[in-house]
Amino acid sequence: MSKVLAVALASVVAATWAGSAWAQQSDLLTELFGGFGSMEGVPDDIDEPFREFVDGFAAFGNLPFMLQELLSLMIAVGLGGLIAFFPREHPPATADEYQRPRAIVMYALVGAVVAELVLFNPPMAFVVFGIGGLMRFRSVVGNPRDTARAILAAVVGLACGLKLFPLAALATLFYWGGTQLFWVRTPVRLAVRKLDPERVPTAAGAWLGALEARGCQVPHLRIREGKSRIEMLVLVPMRLDPERLLESLDLPLELRGSADWELQ
């Protein structure tokens, strides 16, 4: 995964640098593609798509435009955060409750990007609506985080198709920042069953201590003594595999029980 990320990042940086440098060399553009218009059987305006492509990279050097886009996305994400996290009624008890406000912030980012696309090209509103319906009814993207990621990827692709490369790059950077801020831990719903009824409170303390010793957080823990069961919402650091984590916990056999987890 790290190799794929490195290759993707290097490709984007190289393409952006080359495109920006190319955009500054209008004479080079004319030299490379201007002669096409004089070729027999080739339309005179065949170089127009190339000019639009290069102009998209040239926008990286337009500081007022870049500042406007940056501030728009910052305000959208900030207001989305206020709506998503405040007021906070209670700590999250499930993985969905943990991820939902974070996904709302990403939806605010998506909304800002869509607005810029529609402002640049009003008919894109119908395209975005169609893509949204397709993803809603014809795609299975899973939890709120994956849904927000899929929609954002779609609108970033639309921005690239419209040659709005700075907007696409900024939206991607905001998404990366959001993942580093919001999703540094994986929410796992953990249920421990088949415990000795007399040892359930002791087992809960042992599980809590073992998980926290490995860097996990447990914002919600519920003991069901009548069912000899413990239910927890565990936030596992991204560097750890939840399945291997549970197998590696050093717990006495009489307190381990039977643990099942559900990634959401």
Protein backbone atom coordinates (compact mmCIF):
# COMPACT_ATOMS: atom_id res chain seq x y z
CA MET A 1 0.00 0.00 0.00
CA SER A 2 2.82 2.43 0.84
CA LYS A 3 4.45 1.77 -2.56
CA VAL A 4 1.16 2.45 -4.36
CA LEU A 5 0.71 5.68 -2.42
CA ALA A 6 4.27 6.79 -3.18
CA VAL A 7 3.87 6.10 -6.89
CA ALA A 8 0.51 7.89 -7.03
CA LEU A 9 1.86 10.90 -5.17
CA ALA A 10 4.97 11.08 -7.33
CA SER A 11 2.83 10.88 -10.48
CA VAL A 12 0.56 13.71 -9.37
CA VAL A 13 3.48 15.92 -8.35
CA ALA A 14 5.33 15.25 -11.60
CA ALA A 15 2.24 15.92 -13.71
CA THR A 16 1.49 19.13 -11.83
CA TRP A 17 5.06 20.39 -12.12
CA ALA A 18 5.27 19.53 -15.81
CA GLY A 19 1.90 21.03 -16.57
CA SER A 20 2.66 24.25 -14.70
CA ALA A 21 6.01 24.59 -16.44
CA TRP A 22 4.36 23.87 -19.76
CA ALA A 23 1.70 26.48 -19.11
CA GLN A 24 4.36 29.13 -18.67
CA GLN A 25 5.85 28.35 -22.06
CA SER A 26 3.15 29.48 -24.47
CA ASP A 27 5.72 29.58 -27.26
CA LEU A 28 6.41 25.91 -26.68
CA LEU A 29 2.70 25.14 -26.95
CA THR A 30 2.50 26.98 -30.24
CA GLU A 31 5.60 25.24 -31.52
CA LEU A 32 4.33 21.78 -30.59
CA PHE A 33 0.69 22.05 -31.62
CA GLY A 34 0.28 25.21 -33.62
CA GLY A 35 1.35 23.54 -36.83
CA PHE A 36 -1.52 21.12 -36.71
CA GLY A 37 -3.83 23.80 -38.08
CA SER A 38 -1.92 23.92 -41.33
CA MET A 39 -2.00 20.17 -41.85
CA GLU A 40 -4.29 19.06 -44.62
CA GLY A 41 -7.50 17.43 -43.42
CA VAL A 42 -6.97 18.48 -39.77
CA PRO A 43 -9.32 21.10 -38.24
CA ASP A 44 -7.78 24.44 -37.38
CA ASP A 45 -8.97 24.30 -33.78
CA ILE A 46 -7.54 20.89 -32.94
CA ASP A 47 -5.13 22.47 -30.48
CA GLU A 48 -7.93 24.01 -28.39
CA PRO A 49 -8.22 21.00 -26.02
CA PHE A 50 -4.48 21.20 -25.44
CA ARG A 51 -4.74 24.89 -24.63
CA GLU A 52 -7.55 24.23 -22.14
CA PHE A 53 -5.49 21.48 -20.55
CA VAL A 54 -2.48 23.74 -20.14
CA ASP A 55 -4.62 26.62 -18.88
CA GLY A 56 -5.85 24.31 -16.14
CA PHE A 57 -2.30 23.91 -14.87
CA ALA A 58 -1.61 27.61 -15.31
CA ALA A 59 -4.26 28.31 -12.66
CA PHE A 60 -1.79 27.04 -10.04
CA GLY A 61 0.10 30.29 -10.57
CA ASN A 62 -3.01 32.45 -10.11
CA LEU A 63 -2.60 33.33 -6.44
CA PRO A 64 -5.95 35.16 -6.00
CA PHE A 65 -7.78 32.20 -7.49
CA MET A 66 -5.87 29.70 -5.34
CA LEU A 67 -6.53 31.76 -2.21
CA GLN A 68 -10.23 31.98 -3.03
CA GLU A 69 -10.50 28.22 -3.50
CA LEU A 70 -8.49 27.53 -0.36
CA LEU A 71 -10.63 29.82 1.80
CA SER A 72 -13.85 28.40 0.37
CA LEU A 73 -12.86 24.86 1.28
CA MET A 74 -11.58 25.91 4.71
CA ILE A 75 -14.84 27.69 5.56
CA ALA A 76 -16.91 24.73 4.32
CA VAL A 77 -14.92 22.24 6.39
CA GLY A 78 -14.98 24.51 9.47
CA LEU A 79 -18.72 25.03 9.35
CA GLY A 80 -19.23 21.34 8.62
CA GLY A 81 -17.24 20.54 11.75
CA LEU A 82 -19.42 22.83 13.85
CA ILE A 83 -22.55 21.17 12.53
CA ALA A 84 -21.18 17.65 12.93
CA PHE A 85 -19.59 17.79 16.38
CA PHE A 86 -21.63 20.41 18.28
CA PRO A 87 -23.66 19.94 20.34
CA ARG A 88 -22.32 16.54 21.31
CA GLU A 89 -24.97 14.61 23.18
CA HIS A 90 -23.00 11.57 24.38
CA PRO A 91 -19.81 9.63 23.62
CA PRO A 92 -20.13 7.29 20.60
CA ALA A 93 -21.35 3.80 21.47
CA THR A 94 -21.05 2.24 18.01
CA ALA A 95 -18.65 2.50 15.08
CA ASP A 96 -21.32 4.26 13.01
CA GLU A 97 -21.83 6.89 15.70
CA TYR A 98 -18.08 7.45 15.80
CA GLN A 99 -17.72 7.82 12.04
CA ARG A 100 -20.92 9.74 11.27
CA PRO A 101 -19.80 13.26 12.34
CA ARG A 102 -16.47 12.80 10.57
CA ALA A 103 -18.26 11.79 7.40
CA ILE A 104 -20.47 14.88 7.69
CA VAL A 105 -17.36 17.07 7.57
CA MET A 106 -16.29 15.27 4.39
CA TYR A 107 -19.75 15.86 2.92
CA ALA A 108 -19.31 19.57 3.57
CA LEU A 109 -16.08 19.38 1.59
CA VAL A 110 -17.91 17.53 -1.19
CA GLY A 111 -20.60 20.21 -1.24
CA ALA A 112 -18.05 22.98 -1.62
CA VAL A 113 -16.32 21.21 -4.50
CA VAL A 114 -19.65 20.51 -6.24
CA ALA A 115 -20.62 24.18 -5.91
CA GLU A 116 -17.38 25.23 -7.58
CA LEU A 117 -17.98 22.74 -10.40
CA VAL A 118 -21.52 23.98 -10.98
CA LEU A 119 -20.39 27.60 -10.82
CA PHE A 120 -17.80 26.89 -13.48
CA ASN A 121 -20.15 24.78 -15.61
CA PRO A 122 -23.87 24.90 -14.61
CA PRO A 123 -24.89 21.77 -16.58
CA MET A 124 -22.58 19.79 -14.27
CA ALA A 125 -25.36 19.94 -11.69
CA PHE A 126 -27.23 17.27 -13.67
CA VAL A 127 -24.09 15.18 -13.96
CA VAL A 128 -23.43 15.32 -10.22
CA PHE A 129 -27.06 14.48 -9.51
CA GLY A 130 -26.84 11.47 -11.81
CA ILE A 131 -23.62 10.23 -10.27
CA GLY A 132 -25.08 10.64 -6.79
CA GLY A 133 -28.12 8.57 -7.71
CA LEU A 134 -25.96 5.91 -9.31
CA MET A 135 -23.76 5.61 -6.24
CA ARG A 136 -26.75 5.65 -3.90
CA PHE A 137 -28.76 2.91 -5.57
CA ARG A 138 -26.24 0.93 -7.64
CA SER A 139 -23.12 0.87 -5.48
CA VAL A 140 -22.29 -0.75 -2.16
CA VAL A 141 -19.70 1.46 -0.50
CA GLY A 142 -20.23 0.40 3.10
CA ASN A 143 -19.76 2.73 6.06
CA PRO A 144 -20.11 6.55 6.12
CA ARG A 145 -16.36 7.06 5.66
CA ASP A 146 -16.28 4.99 2.47
CA THR A 147 -19.41 6.72 1.16
CA ALA A 148 -17.86 10.16 1.65
CA ARG A 149 -14.62 8.95 0.08
CA ALA A 150 -16.40 7.56 -2.98
CA ILE A 151 -18.43 10.73 -3.58
CA LEU A 152 -15.41 12.95 -3.10
CA ALA A 153 -13.38 10.83 -5.52
CA ALA A 154 -16.16 11.23 -8.10
CA VAL A 155 -16.29 15.03 -7.83
CA VAL A 156 -12.48 15.27 -7.84
CA GLY A 157 -12.54 13.29 -11.07
CA LEU A 158 -15.12 15.69 -12.49
CA ALA A 159 -12.91 18.63 -11.51
CA CYS A 160 -9.99 17.06 -13.37
CA GLY A 161 -12.19 16.46 -16.38
CA LEU A 162 -13.14 20.15 -16.38
CA LYS A 163 -9.42 21.06 -16.15
CA LEU A 164 -9.93 22.52 -12.66
CA PHE A 165 -6.72 20.93 -11.43
CA PRO A 166 -6.10 23.33 -8.51
CA LEU A 167 -9.58 22.62 -7.11
CA ALA A 168 -9.03 18.86 -7.45
CA ALA A 169 -5.62 19.09 -5.78
CA LEU A 170 -6.90 21.21 -2.88
CA ALA A 171 -9.87 18.91 -2.31
CA THR A 172 -7.54 15.90 -2.22
CA LEU A 173 -5.22 17.64 0.24
CA PHE A 174 -8.16 18.52 2.48
CA TYR A 175 -9.27 14.89 2.39
CA TRP A 176 -5.79 13.71 3.35
CA GLY A 177 -5.73 16.20 6.19
CA GLY A 178 -9.15 15.01 7.32
CA THR A 179 -8.08 11.39 7.40
CA GLN A 180 -5.02 12.25 9.47
CA LEU A 181 -7.19 14.21 11.90
CA PHE A 182 -10.34 12.12 12.05
CA TRP A 183 -9.40 8.57 11.11
CA VAL A 184 -6.14 7.88 12.90
CA ARG A 185 -7.95 5.02 14.63
CA THR A 186 -10.19 2.25 13.33
CA PRO A 187 -13.50 1.86 15.21
CA VAL A 188 -14.17 -1.76 16.15
CA ARG A 189 -17.24 -3.12 17.88
CA LEU A 190 -16.02 -5.83 20.23
CA ALA A 191 -18.19 -8.38 22.03
CA VAL A 192 -16.74 -10.79 24.60
CA ARG A 193 -18.98 -13.77 25.38
CA LYS A 194 -18.92 -17.05 27.30
CA LEU A 195 -17.54 -15.54 30.49
CA ASP A 196 -18.02 -16.83 34.00
CA PRO A 197 -20.90 -14.71 35.38
CA GLU A 198 -18.99 -14.07 38.58
CA ARG A 199 -15.94 -12.86 36.67
CA VAL A 200 -17.62 -10.50 34.20
CA PRO A 201 -16.66 -7.22 35.99
CA THR A 202 -13.11 -8.49 36.51
CA ALA A 203 -12.89 -9.55 32.87
CA ALA A 204 -14.10 -6.12 31.75
CA GLY A 205 -11.31 -4.45 33.72
CA ALA A 206 -8.74 -6.87 32.34
CA TRP A 207 -9.86 -6.32 28.74
CA LEU A 208 -9.89 -2.55 29.21
CA GLY A 209 -6.38 -2.53 30.68
CA ALA A 210 -4.98 -4.82 27.99
CA LEU A 211 -6.44 -2.74 25.16
CA GLU A 212 -5.30 0.58 26.59
CA ALA A 213 -1.81 -0.85 27.10
CA ARG A 214 -1.63 -1.39 23.33
CA GLY A 215 -2.59 2.22 22.60
CA CYS A 216 -6.31 1.65 22.02
CA GLN A 217 -9.11 3.83 23.32
CA VAL A 218 -12.40 2.50 24.67
CA PRO A 219 -14.99 5.33 24.68
CA HIS A 220 -17.86 2.92 25.38
CA LEU A 221 -18.01 -0.22 27.51
CA ARG A 222 -21.17 -2.04 28.55
CA ILE A 223 -21.35 -4.99 30.91
CA ARG A 224 -24.25 -7.40 30.58
CA GLU A 225 -23.90 -9.59 33.62
CA GLY A 226 -27.15 -11.46 32.96
CA LYS A 227 -25.79 -12.62 29.60
CA SER A 228 -22.15 -12.97 30.74
CA ARG A 229 -21.20 -10.58 27.98
CA ILE A 230 -19.09 -7.43 27.53
CA GLU A 231 -19.64 -4.98 24.67
CA MET A 232 -17.08 -2.33 23.77
CA LEU A 233 -16.37 0.26 21.12
CA VAL A 234 -12.62 0.10 20.63
CA LEU A 235 -10.62 2.69 18.67
CA VAL A 236 -7.62 0.80 17.32
CA PRO A 237 -4.56 2.73 16.03
CA MET A 238 -4.24 2.49 12.27
CA ARG A 239 -0.84 0.82 12.59
CA LEU A 240 -2.42 -2.20 14.27
CA ASP A 241 -4.47 -4.94 12.66
CA PRO A 242 -7.57 -5.44 14.87
CA GLU A 243 -7.65 -9.19 14.27
CA ARG A 244 -4.00 -9.69 15.19
CA LEU A 245 -4.41 -7.33 18.12
CA LEU A 246 -7.07 -9.49 19.73
CA GLU A 247 -4.99 -12.61 19.20
CA SER A 248 -1.93 -11.01 20.79
CA LEU A 249 -3.58 -9.70 23.97
CA ASP A 250 -2.13 -11.30 27.08
CA LEU A 251 -5.21 -12.22 29.10
CA PRO A 252 -5.81 -15.08 31.53
CA LEU A 253 -7.81 -17.88 29.96
CA GLU A 254 -10.64 -17.54 32.48
CA LEU A 255 -11.04 -13.83 31.57
CA ARG A 256 -10.60 -14.07 27.79
CA GLY A 257 -13.93 -15.63 26.90
CA SER A 258 -14.88 -15.68 23.21
CA ALA A 259 -14.22 -12.37 21.43
CA ASP A 260 -15.91 -11.32 18.20
CA TRP A 261 -15.39 -8.05 16.40
CA GLU A 262 -17.12 -6.17 13.64
CA LEU A 263 -15.29 -3.58 11.52
CA GLN A 264 -17.60 -0.81 10.27
